[in-house]
Amino acid sequence: MKKSFKAIGIIATMGIMLVSAYLLGTTQAETITEVQTVTETREVIPDGYIPLHDDIVDMNTIVDFSATEYGLQLYFEDGSGYFWER
C-alpha cells in the first residue's frame, strides 16, 4: 500500500514538473524574426555538366576517360578531349 502511494506521488510530481516546464518554456520564449537579403547571384549548372575554363562540359558526351597520378583525361564522342592536371 505504501509503495503504491509512493509511486502515485512520484508520477504526479513528474507530471506537474513536465506541465510546469512546458508552460514556463512557452511563456518565456521570445520570437525573433530576422530578415536576410540575398545580394549575390550564382550561376546554376545543370546536373550532368561540370565547369571547365569558364565553359561547361556535358558529361553525357564523354565516351572514355583515363586517370593517372598527374591528372584526368576525358575523351568525347567527337574525338576531342580535355586533360585536367592535379
N, C-alpha and C. Protein backbone atom coordinates (compact mmCIF):
# COMPACT_ATOMS: atom_id res chain seq x y z
N MET A 1 0.82 -1.18 0.00
CA MET A 1 0.00 0.00 0.00
C MET A 1 0.87 1.25 0.00
N LYS A 2 1.97 1.21 0.82
CA LYS A 2 2.86 2.37 0.88
C LYS A 2 3.54 2.58 -0.47
N LYS A 3 3.91 1.44 -1.12
CA LYS A 3 4.59 1.56 -2.41
C LYS A 3 3.69 2.19 -3.46
N SER A 4 2.41 1.86 -3.47
CA SER A 4 1.51 2.42 -4.47
C SER A 4 1.30 3.92 -4.24
N PHE A 5 1.22 4.36 -2.96
CA PHE A 5 1.11 5.80 -2.68
C PHE A 5 2.38 6.53 -3.12
N LYS A 6 3.52 5.89 -2.88
CA LYS A 6 4.79 6.49 -3.26
C LYS A 6 4.89 6.59 -4.80
N ALA A 7 4.48 5.55 -5.51
CA ALA A 7 4.52 5.55 -6.98
C ALA A 7 3.58 6.60 -7.55
N ILE A 8 2.37 6.68 -6.98
CA ILE A 8 1.41 7.70 -7.44
C ILE A 8 1.95 9.09 -7.17
N GLY A 9 2.59 9.30 -6.02
CA GLY A 9 3.18 10.60 -5.69
C GLY A 9 4.29 10.97 -6.65
N ILE A 10 5.15 10.00 -6.99
CA ILE A 10 6.25 10.27 -7.93
C ILE A 10 5.71 10.60 -9.31
N ILE A 11 4.73 9.84 -9.78
CA ILE A 11 4.14 10.10 -11.11
C ILE A 11 3.46 11.46 -11.13
N ALA A 12 2.72 11.81 -10.08
CA ALA A 12 2.05 13.10 -10.02
C ALA A 12 3.07 14.24 -10.00
N THR A 13 4.15 14.07 -9.23
CA THR A 13 5.18 15.10 -9.16
C THR A 13 5.85 15.30 -10.52
N MET A 14 6.17 14.20 -11.20
CA MET A 14 6.80 14.30 -12.52
C MET A 14 5.86 14.95 -13.53
N GLY A 15 4.57 14.61 -13.45
CA GLY A 15 3.59 15.21 -14.34
C GLY A 15 3.48 16.72 -14.13
N ILE A 16 3.45 17.12 -12.87
CA ILE A 16 3.37 18.55 -12.55
C ILE A 16 4.63 19.27 -13.03
N MET A 17 5.78 18.63 -12.85
CA MET A 17 7.03 19.25 -13.31
C MET A 17 7.05 19.39 -14.83
N LEU A 18 6.57 18.37 -15.55
CA LEU A 18 6.54 18.44 -17.01
C LEU A 18 5.61 19.55 -17.50
N VAL A 19 4.43 19.63 -16.93
CA VAL A 19 3.47 20.66 -17.33
C VAL A 19 4.02 22.04 -16.99
N SER A 20 4.62 22.18 -15.83
CA SER A 20 5.20 23.47 -15.43
C SER A 20 6.33 23.88 -16.37
N ALA A 21 7.21 22.94 -16.73
CA ALA A 21 8.31 23.25 -17.64
C ALA A 21 7.78 23.66 -19.00
N TYR A 22 6.74 22.98 -19.49
CA TYR A 22 6.16 23.33 -20.78
C TYR A 22 5.58 24.74 -20.74
N LEU A 23 4.80 25.03 -19.71
CA LEU A 23 4.18 26.35 -19.60
C LEU A 23 5.24 27.44 -19.44
N LEU A 24 6.27 27.18 -18.67
CA LEU A 24 7.33 28.16 -18.49
C LEU A 24 8.06 28.40 -19.81
N GLY A 25 8.31 27.34 -20.56
CA GLY A 25 9.01 27.47 -21.83
C GLY A 25 8.21 28.21 -22.88
N THR A 26 6.90 27.99 -22.92
CA THR A 26 6.09 28.65 -23.95
C THR A 26 5.82 30.10 -23.61
N THR A 27 5.78 30.45 -22.34
CA THR A 27 5.51 31.84 -21.99
C THR A 27 6.79 32.68 -21.98
N GLN A 28 7.93 32.05 -21.77
CA GLN A 28 9.19 32.78 -21.69
C GLN A 28 9.90 32.89 -23.05
N ALA A 29 9.53 32.04 -24.00
CA ALA A 29 10.21 32.03 -25.29
C ALA A 29 9.85 33.30 -26.06
N GLU A 30 10.84 33.86 -26.70
CA GLU A 30 10.67 35.09 -27.45
C GLU A 30 10.90 34.78 -28.93
N THR A 31 10.02 35.25 -29.79
CA THR A 31 10.14 35.01 -31.22
C THR A 31 11.00 36.09 -31.83
N ILE A 32 12.07 35.67 -32.49
CA ILE A 32 12.97 36.62 -33.14
C ILE A 32 12.84 36.41 -34.65
N THR A 33 12.50 37.46 -35.35
CA THR A 33 12.38 37.39 -36.79
C THR A 33 13.54 38.13 -37.40
N GLU A 34 14.30 37.46 -38.24
CA GLU A 34 15.45 38.06 -38.87
C GLU A 34 15.28 37.99 -40.38
N VAL A 35 15.40 39.13 -41.04
CA VAL A 35 15.24 39.19 -42.49
C VAL A 35 16.62 39.30 -43.11
N GLN A 36 16.89 38.41 -44.06
CA GLN A 36 18.16 38.44 -44.77
C GLN A 36 17.90 38.69 -46.24
N THR A 37 18.68 39.56 -46.83
CA THR A 37 18.54 39.90 -48.23
C THR A 37 19.68 39.25 -49.02
N VAL A 38 19.32 38.63 -50.12
CA VAL A 38 20.32 37.99 -50.98
C VAL A 38 20.87 39.05 -51.93
N THR A 39 22.20 39.22 -51.89
CA THR A 39 22.82 40.23 -52.74
C THR A 39 23.78 39.61 -53.74
N GLU A 40 23.86 38.29 -53.76
CA GLU A 40 24.82 37.60 -54.61
C GLU A 40 24.06 36.75 -55.63
N THR A 41 24.51 36.78 -56.87
CA THR A 41 23.92 35.96 -57.92
C THR A 41 24.87 34.84 -58.26
N ARG A 42 24.34 33.62 -58.32
CA ARG A 42 25.17 32.46 -58.65
C ARG A 42 24.62 31.79 -59.90
N GLU A 43 25.55 31.27 -60.70
CA GLU A 43 25.16 30.55 -61.90
C GLU A 43 24.80 29.12 -61.51
N VAL A 44 23.70 28.64 -62.04
CA VAL A 44 23.25 27.28 -61.76
C VAL A 44 23.67 26.40 -62.93
N ILE A 45 24.44 25.35 -62.62
CA ILE A 45 24.89 24.42 -63.65
C ILE A 45 24.02 23.18 -63.55
N PRO A 46 23.40 22.76 -64.66
CA PRO A 46 22.50 21.60 -64.62
C PRO A 46 23.23 20.31 -64.26
N ASP A 47 22.47 19.33 -63.79
CA ASP A 47 23.03 18.02 -63.49
C ASP A 47 23.60 17.40 -64.75
N GLY A 48 24.71 16.70 -64.61
CA GLY A 48 25.34 16.06 -65.76
C GLY A 48 26.36 16.96 -66.45
N TYR A 49 26.56 18.18 -65.97
CA TYR A 49 27.53 19.11 -66.54
C TYR A 49 28.56 19.46 -65.48
N ILE A 50 29.78 19.76 -65.90
CA ILE A 50 30.80 20.22 -64.98
C ILE A 50 31.45 21.47 -65.56
N PRO A 51 31.87 22.43 -64.73
CA PRO A 51 32.52 23.63 -65.24
C PRO A 51 33.95 23.34 -65.70
N LEU A 52 34.38 24.00 -66.77
CA LEU A 52 35.73 23.82 -67.28
C LEU A 52 36.15 25.10 -67.99
N HIS A 53 37.10 25.83 -67.43
CA HIS A 53 37.66 27.04 -68.03
C HIS A 53 36.58 27.99 -68.54
N ASP A 54 35.71 28.43 -67.65
CA ASP A 54 34.61 29.35 -67.98
C ASP A 54 33.67 28.76 -69.02
N ASP A 55 33.59 27.46 -69.12
CA ASP A 55 32.71 26.75 -70.03
C ASP A 55 32.15 25.56 -69.26
N ILE A 56 31.19 24.88 -69.82
CA ILE A 56 30.68 23.69 -69.16
C ILE A 56 30.83 22.50 -70.10
N VAL A 57 30.99 21.32 -69.51
CA VAL A 57 31.18 20.09 -70.26
C VAL A 57 29.98 19.20 -70.01
N ASP A 58 29.36 18.71 -71.09
CA ASP A 58 28.26 17.77 -70.96
C ASP A 58 28.84 16.39 -70.69
N MET A 59 28.65 15.89 -69.47
CA MET A 59 29.23 14.62 -69.08
C MET A 59 28.59 13.44 -69.81
N ASN A 60 27.42 13.66 -70.44
CA ASN A 60 26.78 12.60 -71.20
C ASN A 60 27.49 12.34 -72.53
N THR A 61 28.33 13.26 -73.00
CA THR A 61 29.04 13.08 -74.26
C THR A 61 30.41 12.44 -74.08
N ILE A 62 30.80 12.15 -72.84
CA ILE A 62 32.09 11.50 -72.59
C ILE A 62 31.97 10.01 -72.86
N VAL A 63 32.89 9.48 -73.69
CA VAL A 63 32.84 8.06 -74.02
C VAL A 63 33.90 7.27 -73.27
N ASP A 64 34.97 7.93 -72.80
CA ASP A 64 36.02 7.22 -72.09
C ASP A 64 36.82 8.22 -71.26
N PHE A 65 37.57 7.71 -70.31
CA PHE A 65 38.46 8.55 -69.51
C PHE A 65 39.63 7.70 -69.06
N SER A 66 40.70 8.39 -68.69
CA SER A 66 41.84 7.70 -68.08
C SER A 66 42.38 8.61 -66.98
N ALA A 67 42.59 8.00 -65.82
CA ALA A 67 43.08 8.74 -64.66
C ALA A 67 44.47 8.26 -64.32
N THR A 68 45.39 9.20 -64.14
CA THR A 68 46.74 8.89 -63.74
C THR A 68 47.08 9.70 -62.50
N GLU A 69 48.30 9.56 -62.03
CA GLU A 69 48.72 10.35 -60.87
C GLU A 69 48.91 11.82 -61.23
N TYR A 70 48.96 12.13 -62.52
CA TYR A 70 49.17 13.51 -62.97
C TYR A 70 47.88 14.25 -63.30
N GLY A 71 46.80 13.53 -63.57
CA GLY A 71 45.56 14.20 -63.90
C GLY A 71 44.52 13.26 -64.48
N LEU A 72 43.53 13.84 -65.12
CA LEU A 72 42.41 13.10 -65.68
C LEU A 72 42.25 13.48 -67.15
N GLN A 73 42.17 12.50 -68.03
CA GLN A 73 41.94 12.72 -69.45
C GLN A 73 40.52 12.29 -69.78
N LEU A 74 39.73 13.22 -70.36
CA LEU A 74 38.35 12.92 -70.78
C LEU A 74 38.31 12.83 -72.29
N TYR A 75 37.64 11.81 -72.83
CA TYR A 75 37.50 11.62 -74.28
C TYR A 75 36.03 11.78 -74.65
N PHE A 76 35.76 12.59 -75.68
CA PHE A 76 34.40 12.89 -76.08
C PHE A 76 34.01 12.13 -77.35
N GLU A 77 32.69 12.14 -77.65
CA GLU A 77 32.16 11.43 -78.81
C GLU A 77 32.77 11.92 -80.12
N ASP A 78 33.06 13.21 -80.22
CA ASP A 78 33.58 13.77 -81.47
C ASP A 78 35.09 13.60 -81.62
N GLY A 79 35.73 12.90 -80.70
CA GLY A 79 37.16 12.64 -80.79
C GLY A 79 38.02 13.63 -80.03
N SER A 80 37.44 14.73 -79.57
CA SER A 80 38.23 15.70 -78.82
C SER A 80 38.33 15.24 -77.36
N GLY A 81 39.07 15.99 -76.56
CA GLY A 81 39.23 15.62 -75.17
C GLY A 81 39.82 16.74 -74.35
N TYR A 82 39.80 16.56 -73.07
CA TYR A 82 40.37 17.50 -72.12
C TYR A 82 41.28 16.75 -71.16
N PHE A 83 42.35 17.43 -70.72
CA PHE A 83 43.22 16.87 -69.69
C PHE A 83 43.24 17.82 -68.52
N TRP A 84 42.92 17.34 -67.35
CA TRP A 84 42.94 18.14 -66.14
C TRP A 84 44.12 17.70 -65.30
N GLU A 85 44.98 18.67 -64.99
CA GLU A 85 46.13 18.37 -64.13
C GLU A 85 45.69 18.42 -62.68
N ARG A 86 46.43 17.68 -61.87
CA ARG A 86 46.15 17.69 -60.43
C ARG A 86 46.60 18.96 -59.81
